Amino acid sequence: MEDRILININKENKTIKQFVKLCRIALKYEKVNYYSERKRMAERESHIEMFSEKQLEMIDKVFDTYHADYFQIMGYEIGIVDGDLAQALREMPDRQMQIVLMYYLVGLKDREIGEIFGLAKSSVCKLRHDAIKMLRRLMEELYYG
């Protein structure tokens, strides 16, 4: 009986030792990957002092979302920086605007949008295509009057 208990304890100890060894190896390679990634990022990053005045102005434009129009879709707040596009989206019927934003900006598929609105996938596809045609027409009206 004691032999069985010793054998079971030895098996458990062996299993624990193997697990600990596996964890150490995993952590070692995770550390190596972490430092490699940090080194790679450091090589690609630039300090702000290295940019010219013109480059800094471009960065300002990219990160300036103060003038963005925001749309609430599925709990997401989506900012549209292009004022004409935002205006055209606001002129669209709400349902079509939501379908366009869900498909192109949130990344949902027609089937998923259909589940939200209680529509078939083909109906969502048709509504989306019609919405894009309307959006194109509204954008042309804004540009060409």
N, C-alpha and C. Protein backbone atom coordinates (compact mmCIF):
# COMPACT_ATOMS: atom_id res chain seq x y z
N MET A 1 0.82 -1.20 0.00
CA MET A 1 0.00 0.00 0.00
C MET A 1 0.87 1.26 0.00
N GLU A 2 1.91 1.24 0.81
CA GLU A 2 2.81 2.38 0.87
C GLU A 2 3.52 2.59 -0.46
N ASP A 3 3.83 1.48 -1.16
CA ASP A 3 4.47 1.58 -2.46
C ASP A 3 3.57 2.30 -3.45
N ARG A 4 2.27 1.99 -3.42
CA ARG A 4 1.32 2.66 -4.32
C ARG A 4 1.26 4.15 -4.04
N ILE A 5 1.22 4.52 -2.78
CA ILE A 5 1.16 5.93 -2.40
C ILE A 5 2.43 6.64 -2.86
N LEU A 6 3.58 6.01 -2.67
CA LEU A 6 4.84 6.62 -3.10
C LEU A 6 4.89 6.77 -4.62
N ILE A 7 4.38 5.77 -5.32
CA ILE A 7 4.36 5.83 -6.79
C ILE A 7 3.46 6.98 -7.24
N ASN A 8 2.27 7.13 -6.64
CA ASN A 8 1.35 8.21 -6.99
C ASN A 8 1.96 9.57 -6.66
N ILE A 9 2.62 9.68 -5.52
CA ILE A 9 3.27 10.94 -5.15
C ILE A 9 4.38 11.26 -6.13
N ASN A 10 5.15 10.25 -6.52
CA ASN A 10 6.23 10.47 -7.49
C ASN A 10 5.67 10.90 -8.84
N LYS A 11 4.56 10.29 -9.26
CA LYS A 11 3.93 10.68 -10.53
C LYS A 11 3.43 12.12 -10.47
N GLU A 12 2.81 12.48 -9.34
CA GLU A 12 2.32 13.85 -9.18
C GLU A 12 3.48 14.84 -9.17
N ASN A 13 4.55 14.51 -8.47
CA ASN A 13 5.72 15.39 -8.44
C ASN A 13 6.32 15.53 -9.83
N LYS A 14 6.38 14.44 -10.57
CA LYS A 14 6.93 14.48 -11.93
C LYS A 14 6.07 15.37 -12.82
N THR A 15 4.76 15.23 -12.70
CA THR A 15 3.83 16.05 -13.49
C THR A 15 3.98 17.52 -13.14
N ILE A 16 4.09 17.81 -11.85
CA ILE A 16 4.25 19.20 -11.41
C ILE A 16 5.56 19.77 -11.92
N LYS A 17 6.63 18.98 -11.83
CA LYS A 17 7.94 19.43 -12.32
C LYS A 17 7.90 19.70 -13.82
N GLN A 18 7.21 18.84 -14.58
CA GLN A 18 7.09 19.05 -16.02
C GLN A 18 6.32 20.34 -16.32
N PHE A 19 5.26 20.56 -15.54
CA PHE A 19 4.46 21.77 -15.74
C PHE A 19 5.28 23.01 -15.42
N VAL A 20 6.01 22.99 -14.33
CA VAL A 20 6.85 24.13 -13.95
C VAL A 20 7.90 24.39 -15.02
N LYS A 21 8.51 23.31 -15.53
CA LYS A 21 9.51 23.45 -16.59
C LYS A 21 8.89 24.08 -17.84
N LEU A 22 7.71 23.62 -18.21
CA LEU A 22 7.01 24.17 -19.36
C LEU A 22 6.70 25.65 -19.16
N CYS A 23 6.26 26.03 -17.96
CA CYS A 23 5.96 27.43 -17.66
C CYS A 23 7.21 28.29 -17.76
N ARG A 24 8.32 27.79 -17.24
CA ARG A 24 9.58 28.54 -17.31
C ARG A 24 10.00 28.76 -18.76
N ILE A 25 9.87 27.72 -19.57
CA ILE A 25 10.24 27.85 -21.00
C ILE A 25 9.34 28.86 -21.68
N ALA A 26 8.04 28.78 -21.41
CA ALA A 26 7.09 29.72 -22.02
C ALA A 26 7.40 31.15 -21.61
N LEU A 27 7.69 31.37 -20.34
CA LEU A 27 8.01 32.71 -19.87
C LEU A 27 9.33 33.21 -20.45
N LYS A 28 10.28 32.32 -20.61
CA LYS A 28 11.57 32.71 -21.20
C LYS A 28 11.36 33.22 -22.61
N TYR A 29 10.59 32.47 -23.42
CA TYR A 29 10.38 32.89 -24.80
C TYR A 29 9.46 34.10 -24.90
N GLU A 30 8.55 34.23 -23.95
CA GLU A 30 7.71 35.43 -23.92
C GLU A 30 8.57 36.66 -23.65
N LYS A 31 9.53 36.52 -22.74
CA LYS A 31 10.46 37.61 -22.43
C LYS A 31 11.29 37.97 -23.66
N VAL A 32 11.78 36.96 -24.36
CA VAL A 32 12.57 37.19 -25.58
C VAL A 32 11.73 37.91 -26.62
N ASN A 33 10.50 37.47 -26.82
CA ASN A 33 9.60 38.11 -27.79
C ASN A 33 9.30 39.55 -27.40
N TYR A 34 9.09 39.79 -26.11
CA TYR A 34 8.79 41.13 -25.63
C TYR A 34 9.95 42.08 -25.92
N TYR A 35 11.18 41.66 -25.58
CA TYR A 35 12.33 42.53 -25.83
C TYR A 35 12.60 42.70 -27.32
N SER A 36 12.37 41.67 -28.10
CA SER A 36 12.53 41.80 -29.56
C SER A 36 11.53 42.80 -30.13
N GLU A 37 10.29 42.74 -29.65
CA GLU A 37 9.25 43.66 -30.11
C GLU A 37 9.59 45.09 -29.69
N ARG A 38 10.06 45.28 -28.46
CA ARG A 38 10.45 46.62 -28.01
C ARG A 38 11.59 47.17 -28.85
N LYS A 39 12.56 46.32 -29.18
CA LYS A 39 13.69 46.75 -29.99
C LYS A 39 13.22 47.14 -31.38
N ARG A 40 12.33 46.33 -31.96
CA ARG A 40 11.80 46.61 -33.30
C ARG A 40 11.02 47.92 -33.30
N MET A 41 10.21 48.15 -32.27
CA MET A 41 9.44 49.39 -32.18
C MET A 41 10.36 50.60 -32.00
N ALA A 42 11.41 50.44 -31.20
CA ALA A 42 12.34 51.55 -30.98
C ALA A 42 13.04 51.95 -32.27
N GLU A 43 13.32 50.97 -33.12
CA GLU A 43 13.96 51.26 -34.40
C GLU A 43 13.02 52.01 -35.33
N ARG A 44 11.73 51.78 -35.21
CA ARG A 44 10.75 52.40 -36.10
C ARG A 44 10.24 53.74 -35.60
N GLU A 45 10.36 54.00 -34.31
CA GLU A 45 9.84 55.23 -33.74
C GLU A 45 10.78 56.40 -33.99
N SER A 46 10.21 57.59 -34.02
CA SER A 46 10.99 58.81 -34.18
C SER A 46 10.63 59.76 -33.05
N HIS A 47 11.60 60.51 -32.60
CA HIS A 47 11.35 61.52 -31.58
C HIS A 47 10.72 62.74 -32.24
N ILE A 48 9.89 63.42 -31.51
CA ILE A 48 9.16 64.57 -32.05
C ILE A 48 10.10 65.69 -32.49
N GLU A 49 11.26 65.78 -31.86
CA GLU A 49 12.22 66.83 -32.22
C GLU A 49 12.79 66.63 -33.62
N MET A 50 12.72 65.41 -34.14
CA MET A 50 13.31 65.10 -35.44
C MET A 50 12.45 65.57 -36.61
N PHE A 51 11.17 65.92 -36.33
CA PHE A 51 10.26 66.31 -37.41
C PHE A 51 10.44 67.78 -37.77
N SER A 52 10.25 68.06 -39.06
CA SER A 52 10.30 69.44 -39.51
C SER A 52 8.97 70.11 -39.16
N GLU A 53 8.93 71.43 -39.33
CA GLU A 53 7.70 72.18 -39.03
C GLU A 53 6.54 71.71 -39.91
N LYS A 54 6.83 71.45 -41.17
CA LYS A 54 5.80 71.00 -42.11
C LYS A 54 5.25 69.63 -41.71
N GLN A 55 6.13 68.73 -41.30
CA GLN A 55 5.69 67.42 -40.86
C GLN A 55 4.83 67.50 -39.60
N LEU A 56 5.20 68.42 -38.70
CA LEU A 56 4.41 68.59 -37.48
C LEU A 56 3.01 69.11 -37.80
N GLU A 57 2.90 69.99 -38.80
CA GLU A 57 1.58 70.48 -39.21
C GLU A 57 0.74 69.34 -39.77
N MET A 58 1.35 68.45 -40.53
CA MET A 58 0.62 67.30 -41.08
C MET A 58 0.14 66.38 -39.96
N ILE A 59 0.99 66.17 -38.96
CA ILE A 59 0.59 65.34 -37.82
C ILE A 59 -0.58 65.98 -37.09
N ASP A 60 -0.53 67.30 -36.94
CA ASP A 60 -1.63 68.02 -36.30
C ASP A 60 -2.94 67.77 -37.03
N LYS A 61 -2.90 67.82 -38.36
CA LYS A 61 -4.13 67.61 -39.15
C LYS A 61 -4.65 66.20 -38.98
N VAL A 62 -3.76 65.23 -38.92
CA VAL A 62 -4.19 63.84 -38.78
C VAL A 62 -4.87 63.60 -37.45
N PHE A 63 -4.32 64.16 -36.38
CA PHE A 63 -4.85 63.90 -35.05
C PHE A 63 -5.90 64.91 -34.60
N ASP A 64 -6.21 65.89 -35.42
CA ASP A 64 -7.20 66.89 -35.05
C ASP A 64 -8.59 66.36 -35.38
N THR A 65 -9.27 65.83 -34.38
CA THR A 65 -10.63 65.33 -34.59
C THR A 65 -11.65 66.26 -33.95
N TYR A 66 -11.22 67.44 -33.59
CA TYR A 66 -12.12 68.39 -32.97
C TYR A 66 -13.28 68.73 -33.90
N HIS A 67 -12.98 68.80 -35.19
CA HIS A 67 -13.99 69.19 -36.16
C HIS A 67 -14.77 68.00 -36.71
N ALA A 68 -14.58 66.82 -36.17
CA ALA A 68 -15.26 65.64 -36.67
C ALA A 68 -16.73 65.67 -36.24
N ASP A 69 -17.58 65.12 -37.11
CA ASP A 69 -18.98 64.89 -36.77
C ASP A 69 -19.08 63.47 -36.26
N TYR A 70 -19.77 63.28 -35.14
CA TYR A 70 -19.83 61.96 -34.52
C TYR A 70 -21.21 61.35 -34.70
N PHE A 71 -21.20 60.04 -34.97
CA PHE A 71 -22.41 59.25 -35.12
C PHE A 71 -22.37 58.13 -34.10
N GLN A 72 -23.51 57.88 -33.44
CA GLN A 72 -23.61 56.79 -32.48
C GLN A 72 -24.18 55.57 -33.18
N ILE A 73 -23.39 54.50 -33.24
CA ILE A 73 -23.84 53.25 -33.85
C ILE A 73 -23.44 52.11 -32.93
N MET A 74 -24.42 51.37 -32.44
CA MET A 74 -24.21 50.18 -31.63
C MET A 74 -23.27 50.42 -30.44
N GLY A 75 -23.38 51.55 -29.82
CA GLY A 75 -22.53 51.85 -28.68
C GLY A 75 -21.17 52.42 -29.06
N TYR A 76 -20.89 52.47 -30.36
CA TYR A 76 -19.64 53.07 -30.83
C TYR A 76 -19.90 54.53 -31.18
N GLU A 77 -18.94 55.37 -30.92
CA GLU A 77 -19.01 56.76 -31.35
C GLU A 77 -18.03 56.90 -32.52
N ILE A 78 -18.57 57.07 -33.71
CA ILE A 78 -17.75 57.09 -34.91
C ILE A 78 -17.61 58.53 -35.39
N GLY A 79 -16.37 58.98 -35.50
CA GLY A 79 -16.09 60.34 -35.95
C GLY A 79 -15.81 60.38 -37.44
N ILE A 80 -16.51 61.25 -38.16
CA ILE A 80 -16.30 61.46 -39.59
C ILE A 80 -15.68 62.84 -39.74
N VAL A 81 -14.43 62.90 -40.19
CA VAL A 81 -13.71 64.16 -40.30
C VAL A 81 -14.14 64.93 -41.55
N ASP A 82 -14.44 64.22 -42.63
CA ASP A 82 -14.87 64.86 -43.88
C ASP A 82 -16.26 65.46 -43.68
N GLY A 83 -16.34 66.77 -43.66
CA GLY A 83 -17.60 67.46 -43.40
C GLY A 83 -18.67 67.18 -44.42
N ASP A 84 -18.29 67.08 -45.71
CA ASP A 84 -19.28 66.80 -46.75
C ASP A 84 -19.86 65.40 -46.60
N LEU A 85 -19.03 64.44 -46.29
CA LEU A 85 -19.51 63.07 -46.09
C LEU A 85 -20.43 63.02 -44.89
N ALA A 86 -20.05 63.70 -43.81
CA ALA A 86 -20.89 63.71 -42.61
C ALA A 86 -22.25 64.36 -42.90
N GLN A 87 -22.23 65.44 -43.67
CA GLN A 87 -23.49 66.11 -44.02
C GLN A 87 -24.36 65.20 -44.88
N ALA A 88 -23.74 64.52 -45.85
CA ALA A 88 -24.50 63.61 -46.71
C ALA A 88 -25.08 62.45 -45.89
N LEU A 89 -24.30 61.94 -44.94
CA LEU A 89 -24.81 60.86 -44.09
C LEU A 89 -25.99 61.33 -43.25
N ARG A 90 -25.94 62.58 -42.77
CA ARG A 90 -27.04 63.11 -41.96
C ARG A 90 -28.31 63.31 -42.78
N GLU A 91 -28.17 63.54 -44.07
CA GLU A 91 -29.34 63.74 -44.93
C GLU A 91 -30.00 62.43 -45.34
N MET A 92 -29.32 61.31 -45.12
CA MET A 92 -29.87 60.01 -45.48
C MET A 92 -30.90 59.57 -44.43
N PRO A 93 -31.83 58.70 -44.83
CA PRO A 93 -32.73 58.11 -43.83
C PRO A 93 -31.90 57.37 -42.78
N ASP A 94 -32.37 57.40 -41.55
CA ASP A 94 -31.60 56.87 -40.42
C ASP A 94 -31.21 55.40 -40.61
N ARG A 95 -32.14 54.60 -41.07
CA ARG A 95 -31.88 53.18 -41.23
C ARG A 95 -30.77 52.91 -42.24
N GLN A 96 -30.81 53.62 -43.36
CA GLN A 96 -29.79 53.42 -44.39
C GLN A 96 -28.43 53.93 -43.90
N MET A 97 -28.44 55.05 -43.20
CA MET A 97 -27.19 55.57 -42.65
C MET A 97 -26.59 54.56 -41.68
N GLN A 98 -27.41 53.99 -40.82
CA GLN A 98 -26.91 53.01 -39.86
C GLN A 98 -26.35 51.77 -40.56
N ILE A 99 -27.02 51.31 -41.61
CA ILE A 99 -26.54 50.14 -42.35
C ILE A 99 -25.18 50.43 -42.98
N VAL A 100 -25.03 51.60 -43.58
CA VAL A 100 -23.75 51.97 -44.20
C VAL A 100 -22.65 52.03 -43.15
N LEU A 101 -22.91 52.69 -42.03
CA LEU A 101 -21.89 52.81 -40.98
C LEU A 101 -21.57 51.46 -40.35
N MET A 102 -22.59 50.63 -40.14
CA MET A 102 -22.34 49.31 -39.57
C MET A 102 -21.49 48.45 -40.50
N TYR A 103 -21.76 48.53 -41.79
CA TYR A 103 -21.04 47.69 -42.74
C TYR A 103 -19.61 48.19 -42.95
N TYR A 104 -19.47 49.48 -43.24
CA TYR A 104 -18.15 49.98 -43.65
C TYR A 104 -17.26 50.41 -42.49
N LEU A 105 -17.83 50.87 -41.39
CA LEU A 105 -16.99 51.37 -40.30
C LEU A 105 -16.93 50.43 -39.10
N VAL A 106 -18.04 49.81 -38.75
CA VAL A 106 -18.03 48.88 -37.63
C VAL A 106 -17.52 47.52 -38.09
N GLY A 107 -17.76 47.18 -39.38
CA GLY A 107 -17.24 45.94 -39.93
C GLY A 107 -18.19 44.76 -39.84
N LEU A 108 -19.48 45.03 -39.68
CA LEU A 108 -20.45 43.93 -39.62
C LEU A 108 -20.78 43.42 -41.02
N LYS A 109 -21.12 42.15 -41.11
CA LYS A 109 -21.54 41.54 -42.37
C LYS A 109 -23.05 41.76 -42.54
N ASP A 110 -23.53 41.57 -43.77
CA ASP A 110 -24.96 41.76 -44.05
C ASP A 110 -25.82 40.88 -43.15
N ARG A 111 -25.39 39.64 -42.92
CA ARG A 111 -26.15 38.72 -42.09
C ARG A 111 -26.29 39.27 -40.67
N GLU A 112 -25.20 39.82 -40.12
CA GLU A 112 -25.21 40.36 -38.76
C GLU A 112 -26.09 41.60 -38.67
N ILE A 113 -26.02 42.44 -39.69
CA ILE A 113 -26.88 43.64 -39.72
C ILE A 113 -28.33 43.22 -39.82
N GLY A 114 -28.60 42.19 -40.63
CA GLY A 114 -29.95 41.67 -40.77
C GLY A 114 -30.51 41.18 -39.45
N GLU A 115 -29.69 40.54 -38.65
CA GLU A 115 -30.14 40.06 -37.33
C GLU A 115 -30.51 41.23 -36.43
N ILE A 116 -29.77 42.32 -36.54
CA ILE A 116 -30.05 43.50 -35.70
C ILE A 116 -31.37 44.14 -36.10
N PHE A 117 -31.61 44.28 -37.42
CA PHE A 117 -32.81 44.94 -37.91
C PHE A 117 -33.97 43.98 -38.15
N GLY A 118 -33.73 42.68 -38.02
CA GLY A 118 -34.78 41.69 -38.28
C GLY A 118 -35.08 41.55 -39.76
N LEU A 119 -34.03 41.64 -40.59
CA LEU A 119 -34.18 41.54 -42.04
C LEU A 119 -33.36 40.38 -42.58
N ALA A 120 -33.71 39.95 -43.79
CA ALA A 120 -32.92 38.93 -44.46
C ALA A 120 -31.62 39.54 -44.98
N LYS A 121 -30.64 38.69 -45.17
CA LYS A 121 -29.34 39.15 -45.66
C LYS A 121 -29.48 39.86 -47.01
N SER A 122 -30.32 39.33 -47.89
CA SER A 122 -30.50 39.93 -49.21
C SER A 122 -31.14 41.32 -49.11
N SER A 123 -32.05 41.49 -48.16
CA SER A 123 -32.69 42.80 -47.97
C SER A 123 -31.67 43.83 -47.49
N VAL A 124 -30.81 43.42 -46.59
CA VAL A 124 -29.76 44.32 -46.09
C VAL A 124 -28.82 44.68 -47.22
N CYS A 125 -28.47 43.70 -48.05
CA CYS A 125 -27.57 43.96 -49.18
C CYS A 125 -28.19 44.98 -50.13
N LYS A 126 -29.48 44.82 -50.44
CA LYS A 126 -30.16 45.77 -51.34
C LYS A 126 -30.24 47.15 -50.70
N LEU A 127 -30.60 47.20 -49.41
CA LEU A 127 -30.66 48.50 -48.72
C LEU A 127 -29.29 49.18 -48.71
N ARG A 128 -28.25 48.41 -48.51
CA ARG A 128 -26.90 48.98 -48.48
C ARG A 128 -26.51 49.52 -49.85
N HIS A 129 -26.80 48.76 -50.90
CA HIS A 129 -26.48 49.24 -52.25
C HIS A 129 -27.28 50.50 -52.59
N ASP A 130 -28.56 50.52 -52.22
CA ASP A 130 -29.38 51.71 -52.44
C ASP A 130 -28.84 52.89 -51.64
N ALA A 131 -28.39 52.62 -50.41
CA ALA A 131 -27.85 53.68 -49.56
C ALA A 131 -26.57 54.26 -50.15
N ILE A 132 -25.73 53.41 -50.72
CA ILE A 132 -24.49 53.88 -51.34
C ILE A 132 -24.80 54.74 -52.56
N LYS A 133 -25.80 54.32 -53.36
CA LYS A 133 -26.21 55.14 -54.51
C LYS A 133 -26.71 56.50 -54.04
N MET A 134 -27.52 56.50 -52.96
CA MET A 134 -28.04 57.76 -52.43
C MET A 134 -26.90 58.62 -51.89
N LEU A 135 -25.97 57.99 -51.20
CA LEU A 135 -24.82 58.72 -50.65
C LEU A 135 -24.00 59.34 -51.77
N ARG A 136 -23.80 58.61 -52.84
CA ARG A 136 -23.05 59.13 -53.99
C ARG A 136 -23.78 60.33 -54.59
N ARG A 137 -25.11 60.21 -54.73
CA ARG A 137 -25.91 61.31 -55.29
C ARG A 137 -25.84 62.54 -54.38
N LEU A 138 -25.96 62.34 -53.07
CA LEU A 138 -25.90 63.45 -52.13
C LEU A 138 -24.52 64.12 -52.14
N MET A 139 -23.47 63.33 -52.24
CA MET A 139 -22.12 63.88 -52.29
C MET A 139 -21.92 64.69 -53.58
N GLU A 140 -22.44 64.19 -54.69
CA GLU A 140 -22.33 64.94 -55.96
C GLU A 140 -23.08 66.25 -55.89
N GLU A 141 -24.25 66.23 -55.24
CA GLU A 141 -25.01 67.47 -55.08
C GLU A 141 -24.24 68.49 -54.24
N LEU A 142 -23.57 68.00 -53.21
CA LEU A 142 -22.78 68.91 -52.36
C LEU A 142 -21.60 69.50 -53.12
N TYR A 143 -20.97 68.70 -53.96
CA TYR A 143 -19.78 69.18 -54.70
C TYR A 143 -20.16 70.05 -55.91
N TYR A 144 -21.17 69.60 -56.65
CA TYR A 144 -21.48 70.27 -57.91
C TYR A 144 -22.74 71.14 -57.85
N GLY A 145 -23.42 71.10 -56.74
CA GLY A 145 -24.58 71.97 -56.57
C GLY A 145 -25.74 71.45 -57.23
